[in-house]
Amino acid sequence: MYIGRKSLFLGMVALMMLGMVMGYSYTLLTEMFQDEERIGNEQAQVNKAGTLSDSFEPLAAVEPSQTTSQETTFIFERMYKSCGHNSITYRSATAQETGLSRGQIEDMHSSWEIKEFSPSIVWLFEEIDGYCPNHYIIREKDGCIAIYRPDKDGQGVYLIHQTNIEVALLNADIQERIREGWVVDSIEQLELLMESWGS
């Protein structure tokens, strides 16, 4: 009888201890989950405010603004559509072109396209409807043959020589070509034509 009571007493004590351990474990686990949930909510609120990022991607480096200087080389490239020739000239930046950004250079040289822009080189490109200055144009002026050359900017032509060869004395085909503007590619070709018409 005494042994049965003792076993019952020990069983009840063991059950009580087991209940206490289970209760303590449950409380501990519940607090851990609540702490994790609270930390997760705080991070989400901080992220929504934009002060924290979910990813660890590096921020894009901010490039310093590039401007021209006295050492900047300007390259001017012209492509003449009528003859297909290209002309390239180089020079240093002028005082007005120093310390300018790409946008300011675009405004200053509005008819040009920027092919390259850096503090060391500004490369500008322009297409011109006309012939390059390496050509000669034979036209009529005051009834006689006159020799012209195209401007480098393609805006027109300028007179370089007025002859006393009368256009009316030449055959009809030649007269027509001269009135349209006969383009000649070299000084040698021009001299040959002038000799044949002047004789």
N, C-alpha and C. Protein backbone atom coordinates (compact mmCIF):
# COMPACT_ATOMS: atom_id res chain seq x y z
N MET A 1 0.82 -1.19 0.00
CA MET A 1 0.00 0.00 0.00
C MET A 1 0.87 1.25 0.00
N TYR A 2 1.91 1.24 0.83
CA TYR A 2 2.82 2.38 0.93
C TYR A 2 3.54 2.58 -0.39
N ILE A 3 3.94 1.47 -1.06
CA ILE A 3 4.66 1.55 -2.31
C ILE A 3 3.76 2.09 -3.40
N GLY A 4 2.51 1.75 -3.41
CA GLY A 4 1.57 2.25 -4.41
C GLY A 4 1.36 3.75 -4.29
N ARG A 5 1.30 4.23 -3.01
CA ARG A 5 1.12 5.68 -2.81
C ARG A 5 2.37 6.43 -3.23
N LYS A 6 3.51 5.81 -2.92
CA LYS A 6 4.78 6.45 -3.26
C LYS A 6 4.92 6.56 -4.78
N SER A 7 4.53 5.49 -5.50
CA SER A 7 4.60 5.51 -6.96
C SER A 7 3.65 6.55 -7.52
N LEU A 8 2.48 6.64 -6.94
CA LEU A 8 1.50 7.63 -7.41
C LEU A 8 2.00 9.03 -7.18
N PHE A 9 2.63 9.24 -5.99
CA PHE A 9 3.16 10.56 -5.66
C PHE A 9 4.29 10.93 -6.64
N LEU A 10 5.20 9.99 -6.89
CA LEU A 10 6.29 10.24 -7.80
C LEU A 10 5.79 10.49 -9.23
N GLY A 11 4.76 9.76 -9.63
CA GLY A 11 4.17 9.96 -10.97
C GLY A 11 3.57 11.35 -11.11
N MET A 12 2.91 11.81 -10.04
CA MET A 12 2.29 13.14 -10.08
C MET A 12 3.36 14.23 -10.12
N VAL A 13 4.44 14.02 -9.34
CA VAL A 13 5.53 15.00 -9.34
C VAL A 13 6.17 15.05 -10.73
N ALA A 14 6.36 13.87 -11.34
CA ALA A 14 6.96 13.83 -12.68
C ALA A 14 6.05 14.52 -13.69
N LEU A 15 4.75 14.30 -13.59
CA LEU A 15 3.81 14.96 -14.50
C LEU A 15 3.84 16.48 -14.32
N MET A 16 3.94 16.90 -13.04
CA MET A 16 3.99 18.35 -12.78
C MET A 16 5.26 18.97 -13.37
N MET A 17 6.37 18.24 -13.19
CA MET A 17 7.62 18.76 -13.73
C MET A 17 7.59 18.80 -15.27
N LEU A 18 7.02 17.73 -15.84
CA LEU A 18 6.89 17.69 -17.30
C LEU A 18 6.02 18.84 -17.80
N GLY A 19 4.94 19.12 -17.10
CA GLY A 19 4.06 20.23 -17.47
C GLY A 19 4.78 21.57 -17.37
N MET A 20 5.61 21.72 -16.28
CA MET A 20 6.35 22.97 -16.13
C MET A 20 7.37 23.16 -17.27
N VAL A 21 8.08 22.07 -17.60
CA VAL A 21 9.07 22.15 -18.68
C VAL A 21 8.38 22.47 -20.00
N MET A 22 7.26 21.83 -20.27
CA MET A 22 6.53 22.09 -21.52
C MET A 22 6.01 23.53 -21.55
N GLY A 23 5.50 24.01 -20.44
CA GLY A 23 5.00 25.39 -20.38
C GLY A 23 6.11 26.40 -20.60
N TYR A 24 7.28 26.13 -19.93
CA TYR A 24 8.42 27.03 -20.08
C TYR A 24 8.91 27.04 -21.53
N SER A 25 9.00 25.85 -22.14
CA SER A 25 9.45 25.74 -23.52
C SER A 25 8.49 26.46 -24.47
N TYR A 26 7.20 26.27 -24.24
CA TYR A 26 6.19 26.92 -25.08
C TYR A 26 6.33 28.45 -25.00
N THR A 27 6.47 28.95 -23.78
CA THR A 27 6.61 30.40 -23.57
C THR A 27 7.86 30.93 -24.26
N LEU A 28 8.97 30.18 -24.12
CA LEU A 28 10.24 30.59 -24.72
C LEU A 28 10.13 30.63 -26.25
N LEU A 29 9.56 29.57 -26.84
CA LEU A 29 9.39 29.53 -28.29
C LEU A 29 8.47 30.63 -28.78
N THR A 30 7.40 30.89 -28.09
CA THR A 30 6.44 31.95 -28.48
C THR A 30 7.12 33.31 -28.49
N GLU A 31 7.93 33.59 -27.45
CA GLU A 31 8.63 34.87 -27.39
C GLU A 31 9.64 35.00 -28.54
N MET A 32 10.32 33.88 -28.87
CA MET A 32 11.28 33.93 -29.97
C MET A 32 10.60 34.26 -31.29
N PHE A 33 9.46 33.58 -31.56
CA PHE A 33 8.72 33.85 -32.80
C PHE A 33 8.20 35.28 -32.84
N GLN A 34 7.74 35.79 -31.68
CA GLN A 34 7.22 37.16 -31.64
C GLN A 34 8.35 38.17 -31.90
N ASP A 35 9.56 37.89 -31.33
CA ASP A 35 10.70 38.77 -31.56
C ASP A 35 11.09 38.80 -33.03
N GLU A 36 11.14 37.62 -33.67
CA GLU A 36 11.48 37.56 -35.10
C GLU A 36 10.46 38.30 -35.95
N GLU A 37 9.19 38.14 -35.61
CA GLU A 37 8.13 38.82 -36.37
C GLU A 37 8.22 40.34 -36.20
N ARG A 38 8.49 40.77 -34.94
CA ARG A 38 8.61 42.21 -34.67
C ARG A 38 9.80 42.82 -35.45
N ILE A 39 10.96 42.11 -35.46
CA ILE A 39 12.14 42.59 -36.19
C ILE A 39 11.85 42.66 -37.69
N GLY A 40 11.18 41.61 -38.22
CA GLY A 40 10.81 41.61 -39.64
C GLY A 40 9.91 42.77 -40.00
N ASN A 41 8.92 43.08 -39.14
CA ASN A 41 8.01 44.22 -39.40
C ASN A 41 8.75 45.55 -39.36
N GLU A 42 9.71 45.69 -38.43
CA GLU A 42 10.48 46.93 -38.35
C GLU A 42 11.33 47.12 -39.60
N GLN A 43 11.95 46.04 -40.10
CA GLN A 43 12.75 46.15 -41.32
C GLN A 43 11.89 46.51 -42.52
N ALA A 44 10.70 45.92 -42.59
CA ALA A 44 9.80 46.23 -43.71
C ALA A 44 9.41 47.70 -43.67
N GLN A 45 9.13 48.24 -42.45
CA GLN A 45 8.75 49.65 -42.36
C GLN A 45 9.91 50.56 -42.75
N VAL A 46 11.13 50.19 -42.33
CA VAL A 46 12.30 50.99 -42.68
C VAL A 46 12.53 50.94 -44.19
N ASN A 47 12.35 49.77 -44.81
CA ASN A 47 12.54 49.64 -46.26
C ASN A 47 11.52 50.48 -47.02
N LYS A 48 10.28 50.50 -46.54
CA LYS A 48 9.25 51.31 -47.21
C LYS A 48 9.59 52.78 -47.14
N ALA A 49 10.26 53.18 -46.07
CA ALA A 49 10.64 54.59 -45.93
C ALA A 49 11.80 54.94 -46.83
N GLY A 50 12.43 53.94 -47.42
CA GLY A 50 13.50 54.20 -48.38
C GLY A 50 14.86 54.39 -47.76
N THR A 51 14.99 54.04 -46.44
CA THR A 51 16.29 54.24 -45.81
C THR A 51 17.11 52.97 -45.78
N LEU A 52 16.50 51.85 -46.20
CA LEU A 52 17.22 50.58 -46.17
C LEU A 52 16.91 49.84 -47.45
N SER A 53 17.84 49.11 -47.97
CA SER A 53 17.62 48.35 -49.20
C SER A 53 17.62 46.87 -48.90
N ASP A 54 16.72 46.13 -49.56
CA ASP A 54 16.67 44.68 -49.40
C ASP A 54 17.88 44.01 -50.04
N SER A 55 18.45 44.64 -51.07
CA SER A 55 19.58 44.03 -51.77
C SER A 55 20.86 44.73 -51.39
N PHE A 56 21.95 44.08 -51.68
CA PHE A 56 23.25 44.64 -51.38
C PHE A 56 23.97 45.09 -52.63
N GLU A 57 23.21 45.45 -53.69
CA GLU A 57 23.81 45.92 -54.93
C GLU A 57 24.47 47.27 -54.68
N PRO A 58 25.68 47.46 -55.19
CA PRO A 58 26.36 48.75 -54.98
C PRO A 58 25.63 49.86 -55.72
N LEU A 59 25.65 51.03 -55.14
CA LEU A 59 25.04 52.19 -55.79
C LEU A 59 25.88 52.58 -56.99
N ALA A 60 25.20 53.06 -58.06
CA ALA A 60 25.91 53.48 -59.27
C ALA A 60 26.80 54.67 -58.93
N ALA A 61 28.01 54.61 -59.37
CA ALA A 61 28.94 55.71 -59.12
C ALA A 61 28.50 56.95 -59.88
N VAL A 62 28.51 58.07 -59.22
CA VAL A 62 28.12 59.32 -59.86
C VAL A 62 29.33 59.87 -60.60
N GLU A 63 29.19 59.97 -61.93
CA GLU A 63 30.31 60.46 -62.74
C GLU A 63 30.43 61.97 -62.60
N PRO A 64 31.64 62.46 -62.44
CA PRO A 64 31.79 63.91 -62.39
C PRO A 64 31.45 64.51 -63.76
N SER A 65 30.88 65.69 -63.73
CA SER A 65 30.49 66.31 -65.00
C SER A 65 31.75 66.64 -65.81
N GLN A 66 31.69 66.34 -67.10
CA GLN A 66 32.85 66.55 -67.97
C GLN A 66 32.69 67.90 -68.67
N THR A 67 33.77 68.65 -68.68
CA THR A 67 33.77 69.95 -69.35
C THR A 67 35.05 70.11 -70.15
N THR A 68 35.01 71.04 -71.09
CA THR A 68 36.17 71.32 -71.93
C THR A 68 37.17 72.18 -71.17
N SER A 69 38.39 72.22 -71.70
CA SER A 69 39.43 73.06 -71.10
C SER A 69 40.27 73.64 -72.24
N GLN A 70 41.29 74.40 -71.88
CA GLN A 70 42.19 74.97 -72.89
C GLN A 70 42.94 73.87 -73.64
N GLU A 71 43.09 72.70 -73.01
CA GLU A 71 43.80 71.58 -73.64
C GLU A 71 42.89 70.73 -74.53
N THR A 72 41.60 71.02 -74.56
CA THR A 72 40.67 70.23 -75.38
C THR A 72 40.94 70.47 -76.86
N THR A 73 41.05 69.38 -77.63
CA THR A 73 41.21 69.46 -79.08
C THR A 73 39.84 69.35 -79.73
N PHE A 74 39.51 70.29 -80.58
CA PHE A 74 38.27 70.26 -81.34
C PHE A 74 38.55 69.70 -82.73
N ILE A 75 37.76 68.70 -83.12
CA ILE A 75 37.86 68.10 -84.44
C ILE A 75 36.58 68.42 -85.20
N PHE A 76 36.72 69.05 -86.36
CA PHE A 76 35.57 69.40 -87.20
C PHE A 76 35.61 68.53 -88.45
N GLU A 77 34.66 67.63 -88.58
CA GLU A 77 34.59 66.75 -89.75
C GLU A 77 33.36 67.12 -90.58
N ARG A 78 33.63 67.42 -91.85
CA ARG A 78 32.54 67.74 -92.79
C ARG A 78 32.48 66.65 -93.87
N MET A 79 31.26 66.21 -94.17
CA MET A 79 31.06 65.26 -95.26
C MET A 79 30.21 65.96 -96.32
N TYR A 80 30.78 66.09 -97.54
CA TYR A 80 30.12 66.80 -98.63
C TYR A 80 29.34 65.79 -99.47
N LYS A 81 28.03 65.92 -99.48
CA LYS A 81 27.17 64.94 -100.14
C LYS A 81 27.35 64.91 -101.65
N SER A 82 27.59 66.04 -102.28
CA SER A 82 27.66 66.08 -103.74
C SER A 82 28.87 65.35 -104.29
N CYS A 83 29.99 65.37 -103.56
CA CYS A 83 31.20 64.70 -104.06
C CYS A 83 31.61 63.50 -103.21
N GLY A 84 31.02 63.38 -102.01
CA GLY A 84 31.34 62.26 -101.14
C GLY A 84 32.65 62.39 -100.39
N HIS A 85 33.29 63.57 -100.48
CA HIS A 85 34.58 63.78 -99.80
C HIS A 85 34.37 64.21 -98.35
N ASN A 86 35.37 63.88 -97.52
CA ASN A 86 35.38 64.32 -96.13
C ASN A 86 36.52 65.31 -95.92
N SER A 87 36.26 66.27 -95.07
CA SER A 87 37.28 67.25 -94.70
C SER A 87 37.36 67.28 -93.18
N ILE A 88 38.58 67.17 -92.63
CA ILE A 88 38.76 67.18 -91.18
C ILE A 88 39.77 68.26 -90.81
N THR A 89 39.39 69.10 -89.86
CA THR A 89 40.31 70.12 -89.34
C THR A 89 40.38 70.00 -87.82
N TYR A 90 41.54 70.39 -87.27
CA TYR A 90 41.78 70.30 -85.82
C TYR A 90 42.16 71.69 -85.31
N ARG A 91 41.75 71.96 -84.07
CA ARG A 91 42.21 73.17 -83.40
C ARG A 91 41.97 73.03 -81.90
N SER A 92 42.60 73.90 -81.13
CA SER A 92 42.39 73.93 -79.68
C SER A 92 41.11 74.69 -79.37
N ALA A 93 40.59 74.46 -78.18
CA ALA A 93 39.39 75.16 -77.74
C ALA A 93 39.66 76.66 -77.65
N THR A 94 38.69 77.45 -78.10
CA THR A 94 38.79 78.90 -77.95
C THR A 94 38.41 79.28 -76.52
N ALA A 95 38.61 80.53 -76.17
CA ALA A 95 38.25 80.99 -74.83
C ALA A 95 36.75 80.79 -74.57
N GLN A 96 35.92 80.99 -75.61
CA GLN A 96 34.47 80.83 -75.45
C GLN A 96 34.06 79.36 -75.32
N GLU A 97 34.93 78.44 -75.77
CA GLU A 97 34.60 77.01 -75.73
C GLU A 97 35.18 76.31 -74.49
N THR A 98 35.86 77.05 -73.63
CA THR A 98 36.51 76.47 -72.45
C THR A 98 35.54 76.43 -71.27
N GLY A 99 35.56 75.27 -70.55
CA GLY A 99 34.72 75.12 -69.36
C GLY A 99 33.26 74.81 -69.66
N LEU A 100 32.98 74.27 -70.85
CA LEU A 100 31.60 73.99 -71.25
C LEU A 100 31.28 72.50 -71.19
N SER A 101 30.02 72.20 -70.90
CA SER A 101 29.54 70.82 -70.89
C SER A 101 29.13 70.41 -72.30
N ARG A 102 28.77 69.15 -72.45
CA ARG A 102 28.33 68.64 -73.76
C ARG A 102 27.11 69.43 -74.26
N GLY A 103 26.15 69.66 -73.38
CA GLY A 103 24.95 70.40 -73.77
C GLY A 103 25.26 71.82 -74.23
N GLN A 104 26.20 72.47 -73.55
CA GLN A 104 26.57 73.84 -73.93
C GLN A 104 27.29 73.85 -75.28
N ILE A 105 28.12 72.83 -75.54
CA ILE A 105 28.79 72.72 -76.85
C ILE A 105 27.74 72.49 -77.94
N GLU A 106 26.74 71.64 -77.66
CA GLU A 106 25.66 71.40 -78.63
C GLU A 106 24.93 72.70 -78.96
N ASP A 107 24.70 73.52 -77.95
CA ASP A 107 24.03 74.81 -78.18
C ASP A 107 24.91 75.75 -79.01
N MET A 108 26.20 75.77 -78.72
CA MET A 108 27.12 76.67 -79.40
C MET A 108 27.32 76.27 -80.87
N HIS A 109 27.39 74.96 -81.13
CA HIS A 109 27.60 74.44 -82.49
C HIS A 109 26.35 73.66 -82.90
N SER A 110 25.24 74.35 -82.99
CA SER A 110 23.94 73.70 -83.17
C SER A 110 23.77 72.97 -84.50
N SER A 111 24.52 73.35 -85.53
CA SER A 111 24.38 72.66 -86.83
C SER A 111 25.23 71.39 -86.90
N TRP A 112 26.01 71.14 -85.86
CA TRP A 112 26.92 69.99 -85.85
C TRP A 112 26.37 68.89 -84.95
N GLU A 113 26.76 67.65 -85.28
CA GLU A 113 26.45 66.48 -84.45
C GLU A 113 27.71 66.14 -83.67
N ILE A 114 27.58 65.83 -82.38
CA ILE A 114 28.74 65.47 -81.57
C ILE A 114 28.99 63.97 -81.70
N LYS A 115 30.15 63.60 -82.28
CA LYS A 115 30.52 62.19 -82.41
C LYS A 115 31.25 61.69 -81.17
N GLU A 116 31.97 62.59 -80.50
CA GLU A 116 32.71 62.22 -79.29
C GLU A 116 32.85 63.44 -78.41
N PHE A 117 32.69 63.24 -77.10
CA PHE A 117 32.85 64.36 -76.16
C PHE A 117 33.58 63.86 -74.92
N SER A 118 34.71 64.50 -74.63
CA SER A 118 35.47 64.23 -73.41
C SER A 118 36.28 65.49 -73.10
N PRO A 119 36.88 65.56 -71.91
CA PRO A 119 37.70 66.75 -71.61
C PRO A 119 38.89 66.92 -72.56
N SER A 120 39.30 65.83 -73.24
CA SER A 120 40.46 65.94 -74.14
C SER A 120 40.07 66.14 -75.60
N ILE A 121 38.89 65.60 -76.03
CA ILE A 121 38.49 65.68 -77.45
C ILE A 121 37.01 66.00 -77.57
N VAL A 122 36.71 66.94 -78.46
CA VAL A 122 35.33 67.19 -78.88
C VAL A 122 35.32 67.01 -80.40
N TRP A 123 34.62 65.99 -80.87
CA TRP A 123 34.59 65.66 -82.30
C TRP A 123 33.21 66.00 -82.84
N LEU A 124 33.18 66.98 -83.75
CA LEU A 124 31.93 67.46 -84.33
C LEU A 124 31.83 67.02 -85.79
N PHE A 125 30.63 66.67 -86.20
CA PHE A 125 30.40 66.16 -87.56
C PHE A 125 29.24 66.92 -88.20
N GLU A 126 29.41 67.24 -89.50
CA GLU A 126 28.37 67.97 -90.23
C GLU A 126 28.28 67.45 -91.66
N GLU A 127 27.07 67.21 -92.14
CA GLU A 127 26.84 66.85 -93.54
C GLU A 127 26.46 68.11 -94.30
N ILE A 128 27.07 68.28 -95.49
CA ILE A 128 26.84 69.49 -96.28
C ILE A 128 26.32 69.10 -97.65
N ASP A 129 25.23 69.73 -98.07
CA ASP A 129 24.67 69.53 -99.40
C ASP A 129 25.47 70.38 -100.38
N GLY A 130 26.50 69.82 -100.95
CA GLY A 130 27.31 70.57 -101.89
C GLY A 130 28.65 69.89 -102.10
N TYR A 131 29.55 70.61 -102.80
CA TYR A 131 30.88 70.11 -103.10
C TYR A 131 31.88 70.66 -102.10
N CYS A 132 32.97 69.91 -101.91
CA CYS A 132 34.03 70.37 -101.02
C CYS A 132 34.87 71.44 -101.74
N PRO A 133 35.69 72.20 -101.00
CA PRO A 133 36.49 73.29 -101.60
C PRO A 133 37.58 72.81 -102.56
N ASN A 134 37.79 71.51 -102.70
CA ASN A 134 38.81 71.00 -103.62
C ASN A 134 38.34 71.00 -105.08
N HIS A 135 37.10 71.36 -105.30
CA HIS A 135 36.54 71.37 -106.66
C HIS A 135 36.51 72.79 -107.23
N TYR A 136 36.37 72.85 -108.54
CA TYR A 136 36.21 74.13 -109.26
C TYR A 136 34.88 74.06 -109.99
N ILE A 137 34.20 75.19 -110.02
CA ILE A 137 32.91 75.24 -110.71
C ILE A 137 33.01 76.30 -111.81
N ILE A 138 32.75 75.87 -113.04
CA ILE A 138 32.79 76.77 -114.20
C ILE A 138 31.37 77.27 -114.44
N ARG A 139 31.22 78.61 -114.45
CA ARG A 139 29.92 79.23 -114.68
C ARG A 139 30.07 80.41 -115.63
N GLU A 140 28.92 80.95 -115.97
CA GLU A 140 28.90 82.15 -116.83
C GLU A 140 28.74 83.39 -115.96
N LYS A 141 29.56 84.40 -116.26
CA LYS A 141 29.42 85.70 -115.57
C LYS A 141 29.66 86.79 -116.60
N ASP A 142 28.66 87.63 -116.77
CA ASP A 142 28.74 88.72 -117.74
C ASP A 142 29.05 88.21 -119.15
N GLY A 143 28.50 87.04 -119.48
CA GLY A 143 28.66 86.48 -120.82
C GLY A 143 29.95 85.73 -121.04
N CYS A 144 30.83 85.70 -120.04
CA CYS A 144 32.12 85.01 -120.18
C CYS A 144 32.25 83.91 -119.12
N ILE A 145 33.24 83.05 -119.35
CA ILE A 145 33.48 81.95 -118.41
C ILE A 145 34.14 82.50 -117.14
N ALA A 146 33.61 82.06 -115.99
CA ALA A 146 34.17 82.45 -114.69
C ALA A 146 34.42 81.16 -113.88
N ILE A 147 35.47 81.19 -113.07
CA ILE A 147 35.84 80.03 -112.26
C ILE A 147 35.52 80.34 -110.79
N TYR A 148 34.80 79.43 -110.16
CA TYR A 148 34.40 79.58 -108.75
C TYR A 148 34.91 78.39 -107.94
N ARG A 149 34.94 78.60 -106.63
CA ARG A 149 35.23 77.49 -105.71
C ARG A 149 34.16 77.48 -104.61
N PRO A 150 33.79 76.28 -104.13
CA PRO A 150 32.79 76.21 -103.05
C PRO A 150 33.38 76.65 -101.71
N ASP A 151 32.55 77.29 -100.89
CA ASP A 151 32.94 77.60 -99.51
C ASP A 151 33.07 76.29 -98.73
N LYS A 152 33.91 76.28 -97.70
CA LYS A 152 34.07 75.05 -96.91
C LYS A 152 32.82 74.71 -96.10
N ASP A 153 32.01 75.73 -95.78
CA ASP A 153 30.79 75.45 -95.02
C ASP A 153 29.60 75.12 -95.91
N GLY A 154 29.84 75.08 -97.24
CA GLY A 154 28.77 74.71 -98.16
C GLY A 154 27.69 75.74 -98.35
N GLN A 155 27.92 76.96 -97.89
CA GLN A 155 26.91 78.00 -97.99
C GLN A 155 26.89 78.72 -99.33
N GLY A 156 27.88 78.49 -100.15
CA GLY A 156 27.91 79.17 -101.44
C GLY A 156 29.23 78.95 -102.14
N VAL A 157 29.50 79.80 -103.15
CA VAL A 157 30.75 79.74 -103.91
C VAL A 157 31.35 81.14 -103.99
N TYR A 158 32.64 81.20 -104.28
CA TYR A 158 33.28 82.50 -104.43
C TYR A 158 34.10 82.50 -105.72
N LEU A 159 34.15 83.65 -106.36
CA LEU A 159 34.84 83.82 -107.64
C LEU A 159 36.35 83.84 -107.42
N ILE A 160 37.06 83.02 -108.22
CA ILE A 160 38.53 83.05 -108.12
C ILE A 160 39.18 83.56 -109.41
N HIS A 161 38.42 83.49 -110.57
CA HIS A 161 39.03 83.98 -111.82
C HIS A 161 37.93 84.27 -112.85
N GLN A 162 38.02 85.43 -113.45
CA GLN A 162 37.10 85.80 -114.54
C GLN A 162 37.89 85.79 -115.85
N THR A 163 37.43 84.98 -116.81
CA THR A 163 38.13 84.92 -118.11
C THR A 163 37.47 85.87 -119.10
N ASN A 164 38.10 86.00 -120.29
CA ASN A 164 37.48 86.78 -121.37
C ASN A 164 36.97 85.85 -122.48
N ILE A 165 36.81 84.54 -122.15
CA ILE A 165 36.28 83.57 -123.12
C ILE A 165 34.77 83.68 -123.12
N GLU A 166 34.20 84.05 -124.27
CA GLU A 166 32.75 84.23 -124.36
C GLU A 166 32.05 82.88 -124.45
N VAL A 167 31.03 82.69 -123.59
CA VAL A 167 30.28 81.43 -123.56
C VAL A 167 29.55 81.22 -124.87
N ALA A 168 29.06 82.29 -125.51
CA ALA A 168 28.28 82.17 -126.75
C ALA A 168 29.08 81.58 -127.90
N LEU A 169 30.42 81.64 -127.83
CA LEU A 169 31.26 81.12 -128.91
C LEU A 169 31.48 79.60 -128.81
N LEU A 170 31.06 78.98 -127.67
CA LEU A 170 31.25 77.54 -127.46
C LEU A 170 30.04 76.78 -128.01
N ASN A 171 30.21 75.46 -128.22
CA ASN A 171 29.07 74.70 -128.77
C ASN A 171 27.95 74.60 -127.73
N ALA A 172 26.77 74.23 -128.16
CA ALA A 172 25.55 74.28 -127.34
C ALA A 172 25.64 73.39 -126.10
N ASP A 173 26.22 72.19 -126.23
CA ASP A 173 26.32 71.28 -125.08
C ASP A 173 27.19 71.87 -123.98
N ILE A 174 28.30 72.47 -124.38
CA ILE A 174 29.21 73.08 -123.40
C ILE A 174 28.55 74.29 -122.74
N GLN A 175 27.85 75.09 -123.54
CA GLN A 175 27.14 76.24 -122.99
C GLN A 175 26.14 75.80 -121.92
N GLU A 176 25.40 74.72 -122.20
CA GLU A 176 24.40 74.21 -121.25
C GLU A 176 25.05 73.76 -119.94
N ARG A 177 26.16 73.05 -120.07
CA ARG A 177 26.86 72.57 -118.86
C ARG A 177 27.41 73.73 -118.04
N ILE A 178 27.89 74.76 -118.72
CA ILE A 178 28.43 75.93 -118.01
C ILE A 178 27.31 76.67 -117.28
N ARG A 179 26.17 76.80 -117.94
CA ARG A 179 25.04 77.50 -117.30
C ARG A 179 24.52 76.73 -116.08
N GLU A 180 24.63 75.40 -116.11
CA GLU A 180 24.21 74.58 -114.96
C GLU A 180 25.26 74.60 -113.85
N GLY A 181 26.51 74.92 -114.22
CA GLY A 181 27.62 74.88 -113.26
C GLY A 181 28.40 73.60 -113.45
N TRP A 182 29.45 73.68 -114.24
CA TRP A 182 30.27 72.52 -114.60
C TRP A 182 31.30 72.32 -113.49
N VAL A 183 31.18 71.18 -112.79
CA VAL A 183 32.09 70.89 -111.67
C VAL A 183 33.31 70.15 -112.18
N VAL A 184 34.50 70.66 -111.82
CA VAL A 184 35.78 70.08 -112.24
C VAL A 184 36.53 69.66 -110.97
N ASP A 185 37.17 68.47 -111.05
CA ASP A 185 37.79 67.88 -109.86
C ASP A 185 39.22 68.34 -109.57
N SER A 186 39.92 68.93 -110.56
CA SER A 186 41.32 69.29 -110.32
C SER A 186 41.71 70.52 -111.14
N ILE A 187 42.78 71.16 -110.73
CA ILE A 187 43.28 72.32 -111.46
C ILE A 187 43.81 71.91 -112.84
N GLU A 188 44.34 70.68 -112.94
CA GLU A 188 44.84 70.18 -114.23
C GLU A 188 43.71 70.04 -115.24
N GLN A 189 42.61 69.48 -114.77
CA GLN A 189 41.44 69.33 -115.65
C GLN A 189 40.90 70.69 -116.07
N LEU A 190 40.89 71.63 -115.14
CA LEU A 190 40.41 72.98 -115.44
C LEU A 190 41.31 73.65 -116.49
N GLU A 191 42.62 73.52 -116.33
CA GLU A 191 43.56 74.15 -117.27
C GLU A 191 43.42 73.57 -118.69
N LEU A 192 43.20 72.26 -118.78
CA LEU A 192 42.99 71.64 -120.09
C LEU A 192 41.74 72.19 -120.77
N LEU A 193 40.67 72.34 -120.01
CA LEU A 193 39.42 72.90 -120.60
C LEU A 193 39.63 74.34 -121.04
N MET A 194 40.28 75.14 -120.21
CA MET A 194 40.50 76.53 -120.55
C MET A 194 41.35 76.67 -121.82
N GLU A 195 42.37 75.82 -121.95
CA GLU A 195 43.22 75.85 -123.17
C GLU A 195 42.42 75.49 -124.41
N SER A 196 41.57 74.47 -124.29
CA SER A 196 40.79 74.05 -125.48
C SER A 196 39.76 75.11 -125.87
N TRP A 197 39.20 75.81 -124.89
CA TRP A 197 38.20 76.83 -125.22
C TRP A 197 38.84 78.15 -125.65
N GLY A 198 40.03 78.40 -125.17
CA GLY A 198 40.67 79.67 -125.49
C GLY A 198 41.37 79.68 -126.83
N SER A 199 41.57 78.51 -127.44
CA SER A 199 42.30 78.46 -128.71
C SER A 199 41.34 78.63 -129.89
